[in-house]
Protein backbone atom coordinates (compact mmCIF):
# COMPACT_ATOMS: atom_id res chain seq x y z
CA MET A 1 -59.76 4.78 19.51
CA THR A 2 -61.27 5.08 16.14
CA GLY A 3 -63.76 7.57 16.48
CA GLU A 4 -63.39 8.27 20.14
CA LEU A 5 -62.60 11.40 21.07
CA GLN A 6 -58.94 11.75 22.52
CA THR A 7 -57.36 14.14 25.14
CA PRO A 8 -54.77 16.35 24.18
CA TYR A 9 -52.80 14.19 26.46
CA GLU A 10 -53.99 10.72 25.10
CA ILE A 11 -52.93 12.49 21.47
CA LEU A 12 -48.90 14.01 22.39
CA GLY A 13 -48.57 11.81 25.72
CA GLU A 14 -45.96 13.54 28.57
CA ALA A 15 -43.00 13.72 26.62
CA GLY A 16 -45.34 15.60 24.16
CA ILE A 17 -46.86 17.84 26.40
CA ARG A 18 -43.47 18.39 28.15
CA ALA A 19 -41.80 19.08 24.73
CA LEU A 20 -44.52 21.20 23.47
CA ALA A 21 -43.52 23.55 27.28
CA ASN A 22 -40.20 23.72 25.98
CA ALA A 23 -41.05 24.67 22.48
CA PHE A 24 -43.18 27.59 23.85
CA TYR A 25 -40.11 28.90 26.07
CA ASP A 26 -37.70 28.20 23.08
CA ALA A 27 -40.12 30.83 20.56
CA MET A 28 -40.26 33.08 23.80
CA GLN A 29 -36.60 33.24 23.79
CA GLU A 30 -36.04 33.27 20.08
CA LEU A 31 -38.97 35.31 18.57
CA PRO A 32 -37.75 39.08 18.62
CA GLU A 33 -40.88 40.28 18.99
CA ALA A 34 -41.73 38.41 22.09
CA ALA A 35 -38.90 39.63 23.91
CA GLU A 36 -41.19 42.14 26.03
CA ILE A 37 -43.01 39.13 27.44
CA LEU A 38 -39.58 37.13 27.84
CA ALA A 39 -38.21 40.07 30.03
CA MET A 40 -40.98 39.42 32.49
CA HIS A 41 -39.84 36.01 33.06
CA GLU A 42 -36.69 34.97 35.44
CA GLU A 43 -33.13 34.81 33.44
CA ASP A 44 -33.17 30.97 34.02
CA LEU A 45 -36.44 28.94 32.14
CA ASP A 46 -36.13 26.03 33.30
CA PRO A 47 -38.01 26.17 36.14
CA MET A 48 -41.23 27.10 34.54
CA ARG A 49 -39.98 25.12 31.49
CA ARG A 50 -40.79 21.94 34.04
CA MET A 51 -43.28 23.75 35.78
CA LEU A 52 -45.78 24.58 32.76
CA GLY A 53 -45.04 20.87 31.67
CA THR A 54 -46.59 19.26 34.88
CA TYR A 55 -49.16 21.58 35.06
CA LEU A 56 -49.97 21.22 30.93
CA VAL A 57 -49.91 17.17 31.78
CA GLY A 58 -52.72 17.65 34.50
CA TRP A 59 -54.78 20.37 31.92
CA MET A 60 -54.38 18.00 28.98
CA GLY A 61 -55.97 15.17 31.05
CA GLY A 62 -52.96 13.51 32.13
CA PRO A 63 -52.12 12.53 35.85
CA PRO A 64 -52.69 15.46 37.96
CA VAL A 65 -48.89 15.56 39.41
CA TYR A 66 -48.90 19.46 39.46
CA LEU A 67 -52.08 19.22 41.56
CA ALA A 68 -50.75 16.77 43.80
CA THR A 69 -47.53 18.35 44.44
CA LYS A 70 -48.22 21.93 43.85
CA GLY A 71 -52.21 21.63 45.15
CA THR A 72 -54.48 23.90 43.08
CA VAL A 73 -53.07 27.27 41.47
CA CYS A 74 -55.37 30.28 40.44
CA LEU A 75 -53.15 31.28 36.90
CA ASN A 76 -54.98 34.93 37.33
CA GLU A 77 -53.77 35.32 41.35
CA VAL A 78 -50.11 34.27 39.96
CA HIS A 79 -50.20 37.01 36.83
CA ALA A 80 -52.28 39.55 38.47
CA HIS A 81 -48.86 41.74 39.77
CA LEU A 82 -48.30 41.75 35.58
CA ASN A 83 -49.40 45.51 33.85
CA LEU A 84 -50.52 43.13 30.82
CA ASP A 85 -52.40 44.17 28.11
CA THR A 86 -53.82 42.65 24.64
CA ARG A 87 -50.56 42.87 23.17
CA HIS A 88 -48.93 40.30 25.90
CA ARG A 89 -52.34 38.01 25.52
CA ASP A 90 -51.70 37.88 21.55
CA LEU A 91 -47.70 37.33 21.63
CA TRP A 92 -48.20 34.30 24.36
CA LEU A 93 -51.01 32.91 21.87
CA HIS A 94 -48.22 33.87 18.82
CA CYS A 95 -45.19 31.44 21.43
CA MET A 96 -47.57 28.62 22.20
CA ASN A 97 -48.74 28.35 17.98
CA GLU A 98 -45.29 28.65 17.49
CA ALA A 99 -44.38 25.97 19.86
CA LEU A 100 -47.59 23.66 18.68
CA VAL A 101 -46.00 24.16 15.23
CA ARG A 102 -42.44 23.08 16.42
CA VAL A 103 -43.82 19.85 17.85
CA GLU A 104 -45.63 19.58 14.72
CA ALA A 105 -48.99 18.69 16.35
CA SER A 106 -52.04 17.50 14.33
CA GLU A 107 -54.70 20.04 12.91
CA THR A 108 -56.83 18.43 15.18
CA LEU A 109 -55.19 18.89 18.00
CA VAL A 110 -54.39 22.90 17.16
CA ASN A 111 -58.23 23.05 16.90
CA MET A 112 -58.78 21.54 19.99
CA LEU A 113 -56.65 23.91 22.25
CA LYS A 114 -57.32 27.29 20.28
CA GLU A 115 -60.18 28.17 21.84
CA PRO A 116 -59.09 27.04 25.63
CA PHE A 117 -55.58 28.22 25.05
CA PHE A 118 -57.21 31.58 23.81
CA HIS A 119 -59.46 31.76 26.84
CA ILE A 120 -57.03 30.99 29.50
CA ALA A 121 -55.01 34.01 27.85
CA ASP A 122 -57.22 36.38 27.83
CA THR A 123 -59.07 35.63 31.16
CA ILE A 124 -55.41 35.96 32.63
CA TYR A 125 -55.05 39.40 30.28
CA ARG A 126 -58.17 40.49 31.78
CA THR A 127 -57.78 39.97 35.58
CA ALA A 128 -54.07 41.56 35.77
CA ALA A 129 -55.68 44.92 33.34
CA GLU A 130 -58.53 44.65 36.28
CA ASN A 131 -55.78 44.82 38.77
CA HIS A 132 -53.99 47.75 37.49
CA ALA A 133 -57.01 49.76 36.13
CA PRO A 134 -58.13 52.91 37.69
CA SER A 135 -61.81 52.53 38.79
CA ASP A 136 -63.75 53.77 41.60
CA ARG A 137 -64.30 50.22 43.49
CA ALA A 138 -65.42 52.32 46.68
CA ASN A 139 -68.49 53.13 45.19
CA ASP A 140 -69.60 50.02 43.35
CA PRO A 141 -72.27 48.24 45.10
CA ASN A 142 -71.13 45.08 43.58
CA ILE A 143 -67.83 44.92 45.48
CA ILE A 144 -68.12 43.90 49.17
CA ALA A 145 -64.59 45.27 50.19
CA VAL A 146 -61.80 47.36 48.79
CA SER A 147 -58.31 47.30 49.95
CA ARG A 148 -56.86 50.33 49.67
């Protein structure tokens, strides 16, 4: 594949992506600064490790096993109940960056994933923040229905 752009899946393979998911949760458990986001998870992280690994395999260009078994997922909905702020977003990114270091990801791969990971984390943070922000949505002409 000389000269051709590879997907993260082609670079890491399934085992590498699963190692990345494990390294992410290892970092979350081991870094003292990540204690706040660790507390947002169940005590047993093994199901999350598997789920993140399976999700990332498809997201990074591999077989869509997560989609085939779980269907589509809206990450915003999954995290909407959390009261997230920019600190949480940045801590998530810090743990993912640490995971990339731990799996010895190439500079090419890190650069390939930097912006998409930020976009995901920022979108989840913004959606959760909107769900918790006080607003006068009932008077907003762009809102069709408001649940109270």
